Structures are given as C-alpha cells and as structure tokens.
Protein backbone atom coordinates (compact mmCIF):
# COMPACT_ATOMS: atom_id res chain seq x y z
CA MET A 1 42.83 -9.40 -5.12
CA LEU A 2 41.35 -11.54 -2.46
CA ASP A 3 42.43 -8.86 0.22
CA THR A 4 41.25 -5.96 -1.98
CA ALA A 5 37.81 -7.28 -3.06
CA VAL A 6 34.96 -5.28 -1.45
CA GLN A 7 32.72 -8.32 -1.32
CA GLY A 8 33.51 -11.38 1.12
CA ILE A 9 34.80 -14.26 -0.32
CA ILE A 10 35.34 -17.54 1.15
CA VAL A 11 36.37 -21.15 0.23
CA ILE A 12 35.54 -24.28 1.84
CA ASP A 13 36.07 -27.51 1.11
CA GLN A 14 33.28 -30.61 1.03
CA ARG A 15 33.39 -31.00 4.88
CA GLY A 16 33.03 -27.39 5.31
CA LYS A 17 36.14 -26.33 6.52
CA ILE A 18 37.25 -22.88 5.52
CA LEU A 19 40.19 -22.52 3.35
CA VAL A 20 40.29 -18.90 2.20
CA TYR A 21 38.60 -16.16 4.20
CA ASN A 22 39.48 -12.39 2.90
CA LYS A 23 39.81 -9.36 4.42
CA ALA A 24 36.06 -7.82 3.84
CA CYS A 25 35.13 -11.29 5.71
CA GLU A 26 37.07 -10.09 8.90
CA ALA A 27 34.94 -6.33 8.46
CA MET A 28 31.97 -8.39 7.75
CA PHE A 29 31.70 -11.04 10.59
CA GLY A 30 34.33 -9.89 13.28
CA TYR A 31 36.63 -12.94 13.08
CA THR A 32 40.03 -12.64 11.65
CA ALA A 33 41.71 -14.89 9.13
CA GLU A 34 43.47 -16.65 11.79
CA ASP A 35 40.26 -17.14 13.77
CA ALA A 36 38.31 -18.53 10.95
CA LEU A 37 40.92 -20.62 8.74
CA GLY A 38 40.45 -24.53 9.47
CA GLN A 39 36.99 -23.82 11.07
CA ASN A 40 33.82 -25.21 9.79
CA VAL A 41 31.91 -22.30 8.00
CA ARG A 42 29.04 -22.75 10.29
CA MET A 43 30.93 -20.47 12.74
CA ILE A 44 29.18 -17.46 10.83
CA MET A 45 25.75 -18.98 10.24
CA THR A 46 22.69 -18.40 12.36
CA ALA A 47 21.30 -21.24 14.75
CA ALA A 48 18.75 -21.96 11.77
CA ASP A 49 21.12 -22.67 9.01
CA ARG A 50 24.00 -24.01 11.14
CA GLU A 51 22.66 -27.32 12.03
CA ALA A 52 21.45 -27.96 8.47
CA HIS A 53 24.57 -27.05 6.61
CA ASP A 54 26.49 -30.27 6.63
CA THR A 55 23.52 -31.83 5.49
CA TYR A 56 22.96 -29.50 2.68
CA ILE A 57 26.57 -30.40 1.33
CA SER A 58 26.28 -34.17 1.79
CA ASP A 59 22.76 -34.21 -0.21
CA TYR A 60 24.02 -32.37 -2.72
CA LEU A 61 27.46 -34.47 -3.11
CA ASP A 62 25.14 -37.64 -2.85
CA THR A 63 22.15 -36.61 -5.63
CA GLY A 64 23.95 -33.79 -7.82
CA GLU A 65 20.66 -31.59 -7.13
CA ARG A 66 21.71 -28.04 -7.02
CA LYS A 67 19.62 -26.12 -4.43
CA ILE A 68 21.87 -22.71 -3.97
CA ILE A 69 24.94 -23.50 -6.04
CA GLY A 70 25.16 -21.11 -9.05
CA ILE A 71 22.18 -19.14 -7.31
CA GLY A 72 22.02 -15.89 -5.58
CA ARG A 73 19.79 -15.64 -2.64
CA ALA A 74 19.34 -13.66 0.63
CA VAL A 75 20.58 -15.24 3.51
CA GLU A 76 21.41 -14.18 7.27
CA GLY A 77 24.93 -14.26 8.44
CA ARG A 78 26.28 -14.30 12.25
CA HIS A 79 28.62 -11.94 13.59
CA LYS A 80 31.47 -12.59 16.34
CA ASP A 81 29.47 -10.62 18.93
CA GLY A 82 26.39 -12.62 18.12
CA THR A 83 24.54 -10.15 15.93
CA GLU A 84 22.33 -11.47 12.97
CA PHE A 85 22.40 -9.46 9.58
CA PRO A 86 21.37 -10.20 6.14
CA LEU A 87 23.58 -11.20 3.48
CA GLU A 88 23.16 -11.90 -0.26
CA LEU A 89 24.89 -15.06 -1.24
CA SER A 90 26.64 -16.52 -4.23
CA VAL A 91 27.76 -19.99 -4.51
CA GLY A 92 30.09 -21.37 -7.05
CA GLU A 93 31.85 -24.74 -7.33
CA ALA A 94 35.48 -25.84 -8.35
CA GLY A 95 37.13 -29.37 -9.12
CA THR A 96 40.41 -29.46 -7.77
CA PRO A 97 43.10 -32.52 -6.81
CA ASP A 98 42.02 -32.46 -3.16
CA GLY A 99 38.33 -32.79 -3.97
CA ARG A 100 35.42 -30.47 -4.23
CA GLN A 101 35.62 -26.94 -3.15
CA PHE A 102 32.88 -24.41 -2.91
CA ILE A 103 33.32 -20.78 -3.02
CA GLY A 104 31.08 -18.39 -1.57
CA ILE A 105 30.73 -14.48 -2.70
CA LEU A 106 28.99 -12.40 0.39
CA ARG A 107 27.51 -8.94 -0.16
CA ASP A 108 26.51 -7.36 3.33
CA LEU A 109 22.86 -5.89 2.72
CA ARG A 110 22.71 -3.94 5.89
CA GLU A 111 22.95 -0.68 4.17
CA GLN A 112 20.61 -1.64 1.42
CA ARG A 113 17.89 -2.76 3.77
CA ALA A 114 18.79 0.46 5.90
CA SER A 115 18.06 2.44 2.98
CA GLU A 116 15.00 0.30 1.45
CA THR A 117 13.47 1.09 5.04
CA ARG A 118 13.96 4.74 4.87
CA ILE A 119 12.83 5.04 1.57
CA LYS A 120 9.47 3.08 2.50
CA GLU A 121 9.21 5.57 5.28
CA LEU A 122 9.29 8.63 3.34
CA GLN A 123 6.77 7.10 0.88
CA ASP A 124 4.44 6.18 3.67
CA GLN A 125 4.95 9.60 4.76
CA LEU A 126 4.08 11.00 1.31
CA ILE A 127 1.27 8.85 0.90
CA HIS A 128 -0.09 10.43 4.22
CA ILE A 129 0.63 13.91 3.27
CA ALA A 130 -1.64 13.19 0.07
CA ARG A 131 -4.58 11.90 1.79
CA VAL A 132 -4.30 15.05 4.42
CA ASN A 133 -4.01 17.39 1.40
CA ALA A 134 -7.09 15.69 -0.32
CA LEU A 135 -9.13 16.37 2.96
CA ASP A 136 -7.90 20.05 2.84
CA GLU A 137 -9.30 20.36 -0.72
CA MET A 138 -12.60 18.99 0.72
CA GLY A 139 -12.52 20.99 3.89
CA ALA A 140 -15.43 23.50 3.45
CA ALA A 141 -17.75 20.51 1.85
CA LEU A 142 -16.71 18.39 5.10
CA ALA A 143 -17.33 21.23 7.65
CA HIS A 144 -21.06 21.90 5.63
CA GLU A 145 -21.55 18.05 5.91
CA LEU A 146 -20.87 17.90 9.46
CA ASN A 147 -22.82 21.21 10.27
CA GLN A 148 -26.14 19.71 8.95
CA PRO A 149 -26.42 16.73 11.36
CA LEU A 150 -25.15 18.70 14.24
CA THR A 151 -27.38 21.68 13.61
CA ALA A 152 -30.43 19.05 13.20
CA LEU A 153 -29.36 18.04 16.56
CA THR A 154 -29.34 21.12 18.42
CA LEU A 155 -32.93 21.76 16.74
CA TYR A 156 -34.31 18.74 17.93
CA LEU A 157 -33.07 19.01 21.44
CA GLN A 158 -34.55 22.39 21.79
CA ALA A 159 -37.97 20.99 20.10
CA GLY A 160 -37.90 18.60 23.39
CA LEU A 161 -37.44 21.44 25.60
CA ARG A 162 -40.32 22.84 24.47
CA ALA A 163 -42.53 19.96 24.09
CA LEU A 164 -42.00 19.39 27.73
CA ASP A 165 -42.89 22.93 28.99
CA ARG A 166 -46.14 22.66 26.45
CA SER A 167 -46.98 19.24 27.62
CA SER A 168 -49.94 18.83 29.69
CA SER A 169 -49.72 15.24 30.49
CA GLU A 170 -46.91 12.87 31.15
CA ALA A 171 -47.88 10.47 28.60
CA SER A 172 -47.91 12.88 25.97
CA ALA A 173 -44.76 14.37 26.93
CA GLN A 174 -42.92 10.77 26.82
CA ALA A 175 -44.56 10.41 23.20
CA VAL A 176 -43.22 13.51 21.99
CA LEU A 177 -39.70 12.95 23.22
CA ARG A 178 -39.06 9.45 22.35
CA GLU A 179 -39.71 10.63 18.68
CA ILE A 180 -37.40 13.76 19.13
CA CYS A 181 -34.62 11.44 20.80
CA ASP A 182 -34.87 8.89 17.79
CA LYS A 183 -34.34 11.52 15.05
CA ALA A 184 -31.71 13.22 17.39
CA LEU A 185 -30.04 9.73 17.59
CA ARG A 186 -29.91 9.32 13.88
CA GLU A 187 -28.39 12.79 13.21
CA SER A 188 -25.74 12.16 15.78
CA GLY A 189 -24.93 8.64 14.38
CA ARG A 190 -24.72 10.59 10.97
CA ALA A 191 -22.22 13.25 12.41
CA GLY A 192 -20.00 10.10 13.90
CA ASP A 193 -19.92 8.24 11.04
CA ILE A 194 -18.45 10.99 8.83
CA ILE A 195 -16.30 11.75 11.77
CA GLN A 196 -14.97 8.16 11.76
CA ARG A 197 -14.57 8.03 8.08
CA ILE A 198 -12.36 11.19 8.11
CA ARG A 199 -10.17 9.67 11.14
CA ARG A 200 -9.77 6.67 9.26
CA PHE A 201 -8.74 8.34 6.38
CA VAL A 202 -6.00 10.34 7.60
CA GLU A 203 -4.58 8.83 10.46
CA LYS A 204 -0.91 7.54 10.27
CA ARG A 205 -0.33 4.17 10.31
CA GLU A 206 1.63 0.96 9.17
CA THR A 207 0.48 -0.49 5.85
CA GLU A 208 -2.10 -3.01 6.53
CA LYS A 209 -3.04 -5.58 3.62
CA ARG A 210 -5.82 -7.97 4.19
CA PRO A 211 -8.44 -9.58 1.81
CA VAL A 212 -11.23 -7.48 1.34
CA SER A 213 -13.93 -6.85 -1.41
CA LEU A 214 -13.18 -4.19 -4.16
CA ALA A 215 -16.89 -3.28 -4.28
CA THR A 216 -17.21 -2.62 -0.79
CA THR A 217 -14.22 -0.63 -0.66
CA ALA A 218 -15.05 1.61 -3.71
CA ARG A 219 -18.68 1.91 -2.66
CA GLU A 220 -17.59 3.65 0.88
CA ALA A 221 -14.63 5.66 -0.73
CA THR A 222 -17.40 6.88 -3.23
CA GLU A 223 -19.96 7.96 -0.57
CA PHE A 224 -17.08 9.95 1.40
CA ALA A 225 -15.82 11.70 -2.09
CA ASN A 226 -19.35 12.58 -3.13
CA ILE A 227 -19.68 15.00 0.00
CA GLY A 228 -19.87 18.78 -1.30
CA LYS A 229 -21.58 20.67 -4.08
CA LEU A 230 -19.72 19.10 -6.71
CA SER A 231 -21.73 15.71 -6.66
CA GLN A 232 -24.94 17.70 -7.02
CA LYS A 233 -26.92 16.62 -10.33
CA VAL A 234 -24.56 13.87 -11.09
CA GLU A 235 -25.75 10.76 -12.66
CA TRP A 236 -24.32 7.58 -11.71
CA HIS A 237 -24.28 4.46 -13.24
CA GLY A 238 -22.44 1.68 -11.35
CA GLU A 239 -21.76 -1.85 -12.57
CA VAL A 240 -20.19 -4.95 -10.39
CA GLU A 241 -19.44 -8.10 -12.09
CA PRO A 242 -20.89 -10.96 -9.52
CA ASP A 243 -18.72 -13.24 -7.93
CA LEU A 244 -15.74 -11.18 -7.84
CA PRO A 245 -12.67 -12.71 -5.43
CA ASP A 246 -11.23 -10.21 -2.87
CA VAL A 247 -7.99 -8.45 -3.13
CA LEU A 248 -5.10 -8.17 -0.94
CA VAL A 249 -4.79 -4.56 -0.23
CA ASP A 250 -4.60 -2.06 2.62
CA PRO A 251 -8.06 -0.49 2.16
CA VAL A 252 -7.60 2.80 3.34
CA GLN A 253 -4.68 3.13 0.93
CA ILE A 254 -7.17 1.75 -2.07
CA GLN A 255 -9.87 4.07 -1.04
CA GLN A 256 -7.12 6.81 -0.99
CA ILE A 257 -6.92 6.05 -4.84
CA ILE A 258 -10.51 5.93 -5.58
CA VAL A 259 -11.51 9.22 -3.71
CA ASN A 260 -9.27 10.88 -5.84
CA LEU A 261 -10.28 9.42 -9.00
CA VAL A 262 -14.25 10.24 -7.66
CA ARG A 263 -13.13 13.97 -7.15
CA ASN A 264 -11.35 14.34 -10.42
CA ALA A 265 -14.33 12.89 -12.18
CA LEU A 266 -16.83 15.28 -10.44
CA GLU A 267 -14.43 17.98 -11.33
CA ALA A 268 -14.47 17.02 -14.76
CA VAL A 269 -17.98 17.25 -15.40
CA ALA A 270 -18.83 20.23 -13.22
CA GLY A 271 -19.47 22.59 -16.21
CA LYS A 272 -21.63 19.96 -17.95
CA GLN A 273 -25.19 20.53 -18.35
CA ARG A 274 -25.41 16.51 -18.13
CA ARG A 275 -23.17 15.26 -15.58
CA ILE A 276 -22.71 11.44 -15.86
CA ILE A 277 -20.06 9.10 -14.20
CA ARG A 278 -19.97 5.47 -14.65
CA THR A 279 -17.93 2.77 -12.61
CA ARG A 280 -17.23 -0.66 -13.32
CA ILE A 281 -15.86 -3.47 -11.09
CA PHE A 282 -14.99 -6.54 -13.17
CA ARG A 283 -12.49 -9.63 -13.15
CA SER A 284 -9.82 -9.23 -16.01
CA GLY A 285 -7.67 -12.52 -15.83
CA ASP A 286 -6.15 -12.68 -12.35
CA ARG A 287 -6.64 -9.31 -11.43
CA VAL A 288 -9.94 -7.30 -10.33
CA VAL A 289 -10.44 -3.75 -12.04
CA TYR A 290 -12.01 -0.61 -10.87
CA SER A 291 -12.89 1.36 -13.86
CA ILE A 292 -14.39 4.96 -13.63
CA CYS A 293 -15.45 6.99 -16.72
CA ASP A 294 -16.76 10.66 -16.98
CA ASN A 295 -18.52 12.55 -19.85
CA GLY A 296 -16.31 15.65 -19.36
CA PRO A 297 -13.86 16.84 -22.02
CA GLY A 298 -11.13 14.52 -21.34
CA ILE A 299 -7.42 15.17 -20.77
CA ALA A 300 -5.50 17.60 -23.09
CA PRO A 301 -2.94 16.27 -24.83
CA GLU A 302 -0.41 18.26 -23.26
CA ILE A 303 -0.95 17.47 -19.94
CA ILE A 304 -0.72 13.44 -20.86
CA PRO A 305 3.21 13.16 -20.82
CA ASP A 306 3.41 14.40 -17.21
CA LEU A 307 -0.10 13.16 -15.57
CA PHE A 308 1.47 10.60 -13.16
CA HIS A 309 4.20 12.89 -12.24
CA ALA A 310 4.54 14.40 -8.81
CA PHE A 311 3.69 18.00 -8.71
CA ALA A 312 1.97 18.56 -12.03
CA THR A 313 -1.19 19.57 -12.00
CA SER A 314 -3.87 21.64 -13.83
CA LYS A 315 -5.88 22.79 -10.57
CA SER A 316 -5.30 26.06 -9.03
CA ASN A 317 -5.63 24.94 -5.55
CA GLY A 318 -3.81 21.26 -5.89
CA MET A 319 -0.60 20.21 -4.91
CA GLY A 320 -0.34 17.55 -7.97
CA LEU A 321 0.38 14.71 -5.87
CA GLY A 322 -3.08 13.00 -6.30
CA LEU A 323 -2.59 10.81 -9.66
CA ALA A 324 1.35 10.18 -8.90
CA ILE A 325 0.57 8.75 -5.33
CA SER A 326 -2.34 6.77 -6.60
CA ARG A 327 -0.24 5.23 -9.34
CA SER A 328 2.63 4.46 -6.85
CA ILE A 329 0.07 2.74 -4.39
CA ALA A 330 -1.31 0.76 -7.06
CA GLN A 331 2.07 -0.33 -8.09
CA ASN A 332 3.17 -1.14 -4.29
CA HIS A 333 0.00 -3.47 -4.32
CA GLY A 334 1.45 -5.29 -7.22
CA GLY A 335 -1.15 -3.36 -9.70
CA GLU A 336 -1.24 -0.61 -11.84
CA LEU A 337 -3.42 2.51 -12.76
CA GLU A 338 -3.94 3.47 -16.11
CA VAL A 339 -5.66 6.09 -18.14
CA GLU A 340 -7.40 6.40 -21.48
CA PRO A 341 -7.26 10.24 -22.06
CA GLY A 342 -10.58 10.50 -24.07
CA GLY A 343 -11.13 13.88 -25.91
CA ASN A 344 -12.91 14.73 -28.88
CA GLY A 345 -16.23 14.44 -27.09
CA ARG A 346 -15.48 11.72 -24.75
CA GLY A 347 -14.25 11.87 -21.37
CA ALA A 348 -11.31 10.25 -19.61
CA THR A 349 -11.32 6.49 -18.32
CA PHE A 350 -9.11 5.46 -15.17
CA SER A 351 -8.54 1.90 -14.45
CA LEU A 352 -6.82 0.65 -11.28
CA TYR A 353 -5.96 -2.89 -11.57
CA LEU A 354 -5.34 -4.99 -8.33
CA PRO A 355 -4.22 -8.71 -8.33
CA ALA A 356 -7.13 -11.05 -6.69
CA ALA A 357 -6.15 -12.27 -3.40
CA GLY A 358 -3.74 -15.41 -3.75
CA ASN A 359 -2.04 -13.50 -6.85
CA SER A 360 -0.97 -10.57 -5.46
CA ALA A 361 3.03 -9.82 -5.86
C-alpha cells in the first residue's frame, strides 16, 4: 500500500530519523529508500526549515502545543539535486512501544502551481483584451476628442505666423505670440493627457495593487468614459462620503470596471429625454462601495441570468466581455460586483464592493 500510494508518505521518530519512505517520495525527492532510511528528515528540507526542525519536535514534546500536527499546510521541499519546490504537508501522530512517531503525507504542488500561474496569465490576457475592446468601441469618440486640441494647436500656430507678418513692432509681436503660445500649450497638454490615459488604460503589464482613493480613481475613470457624444446632455449627480479609507487595488483594473459601468449607464439613458446618472461612494462595514444608477429602462428579466457571463451581450457591436471581466476583477480583489436590475420605471444600479485597505483578501 505504501509503495502504490500516489502521495509521498514518510514516517519519522521523535528524533527526526526516517523510518518509512515510500516510492512516491523517491520520485519526489530523488533519494532512494536506501539513501533516506535512518537519516534525519532534514535532508529533504530547505535551509530555512532544516535548522529549526529538531526544535519544532522538541518544543512539541515539551509543551504538547500543536502547530502543524493535524493541520495541512504548504511548505517547501528540497530535491537531491538542490532544487526547491512547493509541497502540501499533512502530519499525523502515533504512539508506539518505541515512542512517538510522526506520519507525513506529502503532495507535490509543482503541477498545480504551474496550472495556477498559467490560469492567471490567461486571465490577465483576457482582462487586457477586454480593455482593448472597450477602447475599440470608444475609438470614434477618442479620435474626435484628440482631433479637437490638435486642430486648435494648428490654428494657433497659423495665427502666430500671421501675427508676425502683420506686426509693425517687436513688442506688439511678442505680446500676441505669448498669448497664442499659452493657448497652444494648453491644447497640446490636453492632447497629451488624453494620450497618456489611453496608454495607461491599454498597456499590458503585471497586476500592481497599491492603496488608492476610490473616489480619485473613479473620477479619472469617469472623465475618460465621458469622452464622446454619449455623454452630451447627461445630468451627473455624485456623492462621496467623507473620510473614506483607501482600497488596496490595481487602479487601472478598477478603472476598467468603472469605465465599463459608466459607458453602460450612458447607453442606457441615451434614448431618454432627460438623462440622469447618479454615483455614490460610501463605506459599508469593512468595504468601500462605488454605486452607479441611471434612469434608463432597467435590465430586461430574460437578460439577468446571463448578465455576468462571458460573450452574453445585447449590444450589436460588443463582445459581451465587459461585465463578466468586471465581476472577475472585483472578485480577484476580494470584492464583488452586484446589480439591482430595476425595471418598471426604474433604472439599473450596479454596485462595486472593494475591501478597505487593511481588510483585503
């Protein structure tokens, strides 16, 4: 039974000497049973645990306080070739005529960790694709928004050249040029800000969580999402509760959620004569909440079951990734994205819950 077990099984005595070492352990650590039997179990431990292991046993024998016995936990093991790798270790205890013995059940976590890493990489790619898709949907509006300051910049420069041609005095020319240059700089700065926001929004990079103000993050995302005709003639009502704690998040990913929610709200009110969107940021227990409500028609009952599923969309030009990815991002931050569908004269309300810094999962 020991030699056919998939998991590694080791039995040691109270001095740490290996008494049982099965075939799975041979494959896992590279030592044969002949190499291992009679040796101290420290031989398969990393340097960090090796020196302290005997102390762990003696402390338990002296105090009876269990720190690992009966509890599974992740540890690092050491292969014969010096490679260190992750393990899941469960320890049990047995009393025998020869004294106490400790049974270790070991599971190699390398394949699981590799799968988890790959899943995270794929998820990051999908999140990035969703951001690029959102930008693609906003493409015409962004092009128009960028064209305005660039056109203005060209006109100011042309005006400066004409002023030089017409001016009869150097002092007069300098005054006109200074005013024109100030205006041109403002427009070039405006274009630069738009480009920087686009770059931050679509760049592919590692997730970077840090404490940020949800109110500031939401304001920047809302400004970005408001580009274009959809935002025209919309009444915005915003409320921010004072003295809110920061949230520990990747701000670009959280802005991705808010941009998606704002664009959805703008589309929901597009057909209304009076277009109203209300946002609220407040604390709820150990979480900070961003809530957005519109006065649109609400969400149709037949759409609700699939609302947060990938590729489920009611838009003619959408991929159906926005809300699915948004909820995934929220959950990866230890939060949640919820919806009150509205209907019957009430618009939908989306609420993004994020743990306050210090309470993050």
